[in-house]
Amino acid sequence: MDPSLPPPRTGRERFLAVREWIVRRRRIALAQLLRGACYGAGTGAVGLIFVWVEHRM
């Protein structure tokens, strides 16, 4: 084994590390979902504005 590496996690430490990893990934996934929803809403709003302008001409 490489002495510069920390010892392997056991029991509760491993569980807490996995839990923290899942929490970090869930936050990233939710942030990406919110970002996509905002982009979709903006695109839809611009599309509706253009349709409204075309019908007014």
PDB file of N, CA and C in Angstrom:
ATOM      1  N   MET A   1       0.836  -1.193   0.000  1.00  0.00           N
ATOM      2  CA  MET A   1       0.000   0.000   0.000  1.00  0.00           C
ATOM      3  C   MET A   1       0.875   1.249   0.000  1.00  0.00           C
ATOM      4  N   ASP A   2       0.337   2.293  -0.593  1.00  0.00           N
ATOM      5  CA  ASP A   2       1.037   3.580  -0.658  1.00  0.00           C
ATOM      6  C   ASP A   2       0.873   4.300   0.681  1.00  0.00           C
ATOM      7  N   PRO A   3       1.964   4.623   1.369  1.00  0.00           N
ATOM      8  CA  PRO A   3       1.840   5.276   2.683  1.00  0.00           C
ATOM      9  C   PRO A   3       1.273   6.689   2.608  1.00  0.00           C
ATOM     10  N   SER A   4       1.275   7.308   1.434  1.00  0.00           N
ATOM     11  CA  SER A   4       0.740   8.668   1.332  1.00  0.00           C
ATOM     12  C   SER A   4      -0.789   8.694   1.258  1.00  0.00           C
ATOM     13  N   LEU A   5      -1.410   7.535   1.004  1.00  0.00           N
ATOM     14  CA  LEU A   5      -2.872   7.463   0.933  1.00  0.00           C
ATOM     15  C   LEU A   5      -3.466   7.297   2.323  1.00  0.00           C
ATOM     16  N   PRO A   6      -4.649   7.886   2.563  1.00  0.00           N
ATOM     17  CA  PRO A   6      -5.290   7.692   3.862  1.00  0.00           C
ATOM     18  C   PRO A   6      -5.794   6.248   3.979  1.00  0.00           C
ATOM     19  N   PRO A   7      -5.995   5.761   5.209  1.00  0.00           N
ATOM     20  CA  PRO A   7      -6.502   4.394   5.368  1.00  0.00           C
ATOM     21  C   PRO A   7      -7.925   4.290   4.819  1.00  0.00           C
ATOM     22  N   PRO A   8      -8.341   3.103   4.390  1.00  0.00           N
ATOM     23  CA  PRO A   8      -9.697   2.955   3.844  1.00  0.00           C
ATOM     24  C   PRO A   8     -10.755   3.236   4.904  1.00  0.00           C
ATOM     25  N   ARG A   9     -11.879   3.765   4.461  1.00  0.00           N
ATOM     26  CA  ARG A   9     -12.979   4.064   5.374  1.00  0.00           C
ATOM     27  C   ARG A   9     -13.666   2.757   5.770  1.00  0.00           C
ATOM     28  N   THR A  10     -14.201   2.746   6.958  1.00  0.00           N
ATOM     29  CA  THR A  10     -14.920   1.564   7.415  1.00  0.00           C
ATOM     30  C   THR A  10     -16.224   1.980   8.067  1.00  0.00           C
ATOM     31  N   GLY A  11     -17.177   1.116   8.029  1.00  0.00           N
ATOM     32  CA  GLY A  11     -18.441   1.272   8.741  1.00  0.00           C
ATOM     33  C   GLY A  11     -19.128   2.596   8.537  1.00  0.00           C
ATOM     34  N   ARG A  12     -19.284   3.334   9.634  1.00  0.00           N
ATOM     35  CA  ARG A  12     -20.030   4.589   9.626  1.00  0.00           C
ATOM     36  C   ARG A  12     -19.368   5.646   8.752  1.00  0.00           C
ATOM     37  N   GLU A  13     -18.051   5.701   8.723  1.00  0.00           N
ATOM     38  CA  GLU A  13     -17.354   6.682   7.882  1.00  0.00           C
ATOM     39  C   GLU A  13     -17.710   6.484   6.414  1.00  0.00           C
ATOM     40  N   ARG A  14     -17.750   5.230   5.975  1.00  0.00           N
ATOM     41  CA  ARG A  14     -18.103   4.927   4.584  1.00  0.00           C
ATOM     42  C   ARG A  14     -19.542   5.340   4.297  1.00  0.00           C
ATOM     43  N   PHE A  15     -20.451   5.029   5.223  1.00  0.00           N
ATOM     44  CA  PHE A  15     -21.856   5.400   5.056  1.00  0.00           C
ATOM     45  C   PHE A  15     -22.006   6.910   4.939  1.00  0.00           C
ATOM     46  N   LEU A  16     -21.327   7.665   5.815  1.00  0.00           N
ATOM     47  CA  LEU A  16     -21.417   9.127   5.778  1.00  0.00           C
ATOM     48  C   LEU A  16     -20.824   9.696   4.489  1.00  0.00           C
ATOM     49  N   ALA A  17     -19.743   9.098   4.014  1.00  0.00           N
ATOM     50  CA  ALA A  17     -19.126   9.569   2.770  1.00  0.00           C
ATOM     51  C   ALA A  17     -20.070   9.352   1.590  1.00  0.00           C
ATOM     52  N   VAL A  18     -20.717   8.200   1.533  1.00  0.00           N
ATOM     53  CA  VAL A  18     -21.662   7.917   0.445  1.00  0.00           C
ATOM     54  C   VAL A  18     -22.859   8.858   0.534  1.00  0.00           C
ATOM     55  N   ARG A  19     -23.315   9.089   1.755  1.00  0.00           N
ATOM     56  CA  ARG A  19     -24.457   9.992   1.936  1.00  0.00           C
ATOM     57  C   ARG A  19     -24.124  11.408   1.473  1.00  0.00           C
ATOM     58  N   GLU A  20     -22.945  11.889   1.821  1.00  0.00           N
ATOM     59  CA  GLU A  20     -22.530  13.221   1.379  1.00  0.00           C
ATOM     60  C   GLU A  20     -22.425  13.292  -0.137  1.00  0.00           C
ATOM     61  N   TRP A  21     -21.922  12.227  -0.764  1.00  0.00           N
ATOM     62  CA  TRP A  21     -21.797  12.188  -2.222  1.00  0.00           C
ATOM     63  C   TRP A  21     -23.179  12.274  -2.872  1.00  0.00           C
ATOM     64  N   ILE A  22     -24.149  11.534  -2.330  1.00  0.00           N
ATOM     65  CA  ILE A  22     -25.515  11.555  -2.879  1.00  0.00           C
ATOM     66  C   ILE A  22     -26.137  12.935  -2.712  1.00  0.00           C
ATOM     67  N   VAL A  23     -25.951  13.551  -1.553  1.00  0.00           N
ATOM     68  CA  VAL A  23     -26.510  14.890  -1.309  1.00  0.00           C
ATOM     69  C   VAL A  23     -25.921  15.895  -2.289  1.00  0.00           C
ATOM     70  N   ARG A  24     -24.602  15.821  -2.527  1.00  0.00           N
ATOM     71  CA  ARG A  24     -23.973  16.740  -3.494  1.00  0.00           C
ATOM     72  C   ARG A  24     -24.541  16.528  -4.885  1.00  0.00           C
ATOM     73  N   ARG A  25     -24.685  15.303  -5.299  1.00  0.00           N
ATOM     74  CA  ARG A  25     -25.201  15.025  -6.642  1.00  0.00           C
ATOM     75  C   ARG A  25     -26.655  15.437  -6.783  1.00  0.00           C
ATOM     76  N   ARG A  26     -27.442  15.267  -5.721  1.00  0.00           N
ATOM     77  CA  ARG A  26     -28.855  15.653  -5.785  1.00  0.00           C
ATOM     78  C   ARG A  26     -28.977  17.159  -5.960  1.00  0.00           C
ATOM     79  N   ARG A  27     -28.143  17.910  -5.254  1.00  0.00           N
ATOM     80  CA  ARG A  27     -28.176  19.375  -5.410  1.00  0.00           C
ATOM     81  C   ARG A  27     -27.808  19.785  -6.825  1.00  0.00           C
ATOM     82  N   ILE A  28     -26.815  19.130  -7.393  1.00  0.00           N
ATOM     83  CA  ILE A  28     -26.401  19.433  -8.768  1.00  0.00           C
ATOM     84  C   ILE A  28     -27.535  19.105  -9.737  1.00  0.00           C
ATOM     85  N   ALA A  29     -28.165  17.947  -9.549  1.00  0.00           N
ATOM     86  CA  ALA A  29     -29.265  17.547 -10.435  1.00  0.00           C
ATOM     87  C   ALA A  29     -30.433  18.522 -10.339  1.00  0.00           C
ATOM     88  N   LEU A  30     -30.774  18.937  -9.129  1.00  0.00           N
ATOM     89  CA  LEU A  30     -31.880  19.887  -8.969  1.00  0.00           C
ATOM     90  C   LEU A  30     -31.535  21.245  -9.574  1.00  0.00           C
ATOM     91  N   ALA A  31     -30.286  21.662  -9.440  1.00  0.00           N
ATOM     92  CA  ALA A  31     -29.872  22.928 -10.038  1.00  0.00           C
ATOM     93  C   ALA A  31     -29.963  22.864 -11.558  1.00  0.00           C
ATOM     94  N   GLN A  32     -29.567  21.739 -12.145  1.00  0.00           N
ATOM     95  CA  GLN A  32     -29.652  21.594 -13.595  1.00  0.00           C
ATOM     96  C   GLN A  32     -31.117  21.543 -14.056  1.00  0.00           C
ATOM     97  N   LEU A  33     -31.971  20.903 -13.270  1.00  0.00           N
ATOM     98  CA  LEU A  33     -33.394  20.862 -13.598  1.00  0.00           C
ATOM     99  C   LEU A  33     -33.994  22.265 -13.575  1.00  0.00           C
ATOM    100  N   LEU A  34     -33.657  23.041 -12.559  1.00  0.00           N
ATOM    101  CA  LEU A  34     -34.151  24.418 -12.473  1.00  0.00           C
ATOM    102  C   LEU A  34     -33.630  25.257 -13.630  1.00  0.00           C
ATOM    103  N   ARG A  35     -32.369  25.079 -13.961  1.00  0.00           N
ATOM    104  CA  ARG A  35     -31.783  25.821 -15.083  1.00  0.00           C
ATOM    105  C   ARG A  35     -32.503  25.493 -16.384  1.00  0.00           C
ATOM    106  N   GLY A  36     -32.759  24.218 -16.622  1.00  0.00           N
ATOM    107  CA  GLY A  36     -33.476  23.809 -17.833  1.00  0.00           C
ATOM    108  C   GLY A  36     -34.892  24.365 -17.874  1.00  0.00           C
ATOM    109  N   ALA A  37     -35.562  24.378 -16.721  1.00  0.00           N
ATOM    110  CA  ALA A  37     -36.923  24.927 -16.671  1.00  0.00           C
ATOM    111  C   ALA A  37     -36.921  26.418 -16.984  1.00  0.00           C
ATOM    112  N   CYS A  38     -35.917  27.128 -16.485  1.00  0.00           N
ATOM    113  CA  CYS A  38     -35.819  28.560 -16.767  1.00  0.00           C
ATOM    114  C   CYS A  38     -35.549  28.814 -18.245  1.00  0.00           C
ATOM    115  N   TYR A  39     -34.647  28.037 -18.825  1.00  0.00           N
ATOM    116  CA  TYR A  39     -34.387  28.180 -20.257  1.00  0.00           C
ATOM    117  C   TYR A  39     -35.652  27.875 -21.063  1.00  0.00           C
ATOM    118  N   GLY A  40     -36.371  26.841 -20.682  1.00  0.00           N
ATOM    119  CA  GLY A  40     -37.603  26.486 -21.383  1.00  0.00           C
ATOM    120  C   GLY A  40     -38.662  27.574 -21.274  1.00  0.00           C
ATOM    121  N   ALA A  41     -38.821  28.132 -20.080  1.00  0.00           N
ATOM    122  CA  ALA A  41     -39.804  29.204 -19.886  1.00  0.00           C
ATOM    123  C   ALA A  41     -39.428  30.430 -20.698  1.00  0.00           C
ATOM    124  N   GLY A  42     -38.152  30.768 -20.721  1.00  0.00           N
ATOM    125  CA  GLY A  42     -37.702  31.918 -21.505  1.00  0.00           C
ATOM    126  C   GLY A  42     -37.918  31.709 -22.989  1.00  0.00           C
ATOM    127  N   THR A  43     -37.596  30.519 -23.466  1.00  0.00           N
ATOM    128  CA  THR A  43     -37.787  30.212 -24.885  1.00  0.00           C
ATOM    129  C   THR A  43     -39.268  30.260 -25.254  1.00  0.00           C
ATOM    130  N   GLY A  44     -40.105  29.707 -24.384  1.00  0.00           N
ATOM    131  CA  GLY A  44     -41.544  29.735 -24.633  1.00  0.00           C
ATOM    132  C   GLY A  44     -42.094  31.158 -24.648  1.00  0.00           C
ATOM    133  N   ALA A  45     -41.622  31.982 -23.723  1.00  0.00           N
ATOM    134  CA  ALA A  45     -42.090  33.372 -23.665  1.00  0.00           C
ATOM    135  C   ALA A  45     -41.689  34.132 -24.927  1.00  0.00           C
ATOM    136  N   VAL A  46     -40.458  33.966 -25.375  1.00  0.00           N
ATOM    137  CA  VAL A  46     -40.004  34.648 -26.595  1.00  0.00           C
ATOM    138  C   VAL A  46     -40.804  34.153 -27.795  1.00  0.00           C
ATOM    139  N   GLY A  47     -41.062  32.855 -27.850  1.00  0.00           N
ATOM    140  CA  GLY A  47     -41.865  32.317 -28.948  1.00  0.00           C
ATOM    141  C   GLY A  47     -43.265  32.899 -28.969  1.00  0.00           C
ATOM    142  N   LEU A  48     -43.889  32.990 -27.789  1.00  0.00           N
ATOM    143  CA  LEU A  48     -45.234  33.566 -27.724  1.00  0.00           C
ATOM    144  C   LEU A  48     -45.241  35.039 -28.128  1.00  0.00           C
ATOM    145  N   ILE A  49     -44.214  35.773 -27.736  1.00  0.00           N
ATOM    146  CA  ILE A  49     -44.117  37.185 -28.128  1.00  0.00           C
ATOM    147  C   ILE A  49     -44.023  37.305 -29.639  1.00  0.00           C
ATOM    148  N   PHE A  50     -43.207  36.459 -30.275  1.00  0.00           N
ATOM    149  CA  PHE A  50     -43.083  36.520 -31.731  1.00  0.00           C
ATOM    150  C   PHE A  50     -44.390  36.142 -32.417  1.00  0.00           C
ATOM    151  N   VAL A  51     -45.099  35.158 -31.906  1.00  0.00           N
ATOM    152  CA  VAL A  51     -46.394  34.786 -32.498  1.00  0.00           C
ATOM    153  C   VAL A  51     -47.368  35.951 -32.343  1.00  0.00           C
ATOM    154  N   TRP A  52     -47.389  36.588 -31.182  1.00  0.00           N
ATOM    155  CA  TRP A  52     -48.276  37.721 -30.955  1.00  0.00           C
ATOM    156  C   TRP A  52     -47.947  38.867 -31.893  1.00  0.00           C
ATOM    157  N   VAL A  53     -46.643  39.157 -32.072  1.00  0.00           N
ATOM    158  CA  VAL A  53     -46.224  40.243 -32.976  1.00  0.00           C
ATOM    159  C   VAL A  53     -46.616  39.912 -34.408  1.00  0.00           C
ATOM    160  N   GLU A  54     -46.429  38.679 -34.850  1.00  0.00           N
ATOM    161  CA  GLU A  54     -46.809  38.308 -36.211  1.00  0.00           C
ATOM    162  C   GLU A  54     -48.298  38.471 -36.462  1.00  0.00           C
ATOM    163  N   HIS A  55     -49.109  38.140 -35.484  1.00  0.00           N
ATOM    164  CA  HIS A  55     -50.559  38.283 -35.650  1.00  0.00           C
ATOM    165  C   HIS A  55     -51.010  39.730 -35.610  1.00  0.00           C
ATOM    166  N   ARG A  56     -50.239  40.590 -34.972  1.00  0.00           N
ATOM    167  CA  ARG A  56     -50.598  42.008 -34.916  1.00  0.00           C
ATOM    168  C   ARG A  56     -50.236  42.739 -36.210  1.00  0.00           C
ATOM    169  N   MET A  57     -49.357  42.165 -37.013  1.00  0.00           N
ATOM    170  CA  MET A  57     -48.931  42.838 -38.244  1.00  0.00           C
ATOM    171  C   MET A  57     -49.889  42.571 -39.375  1.00  0.00           C
TER     172      MET A  57
END
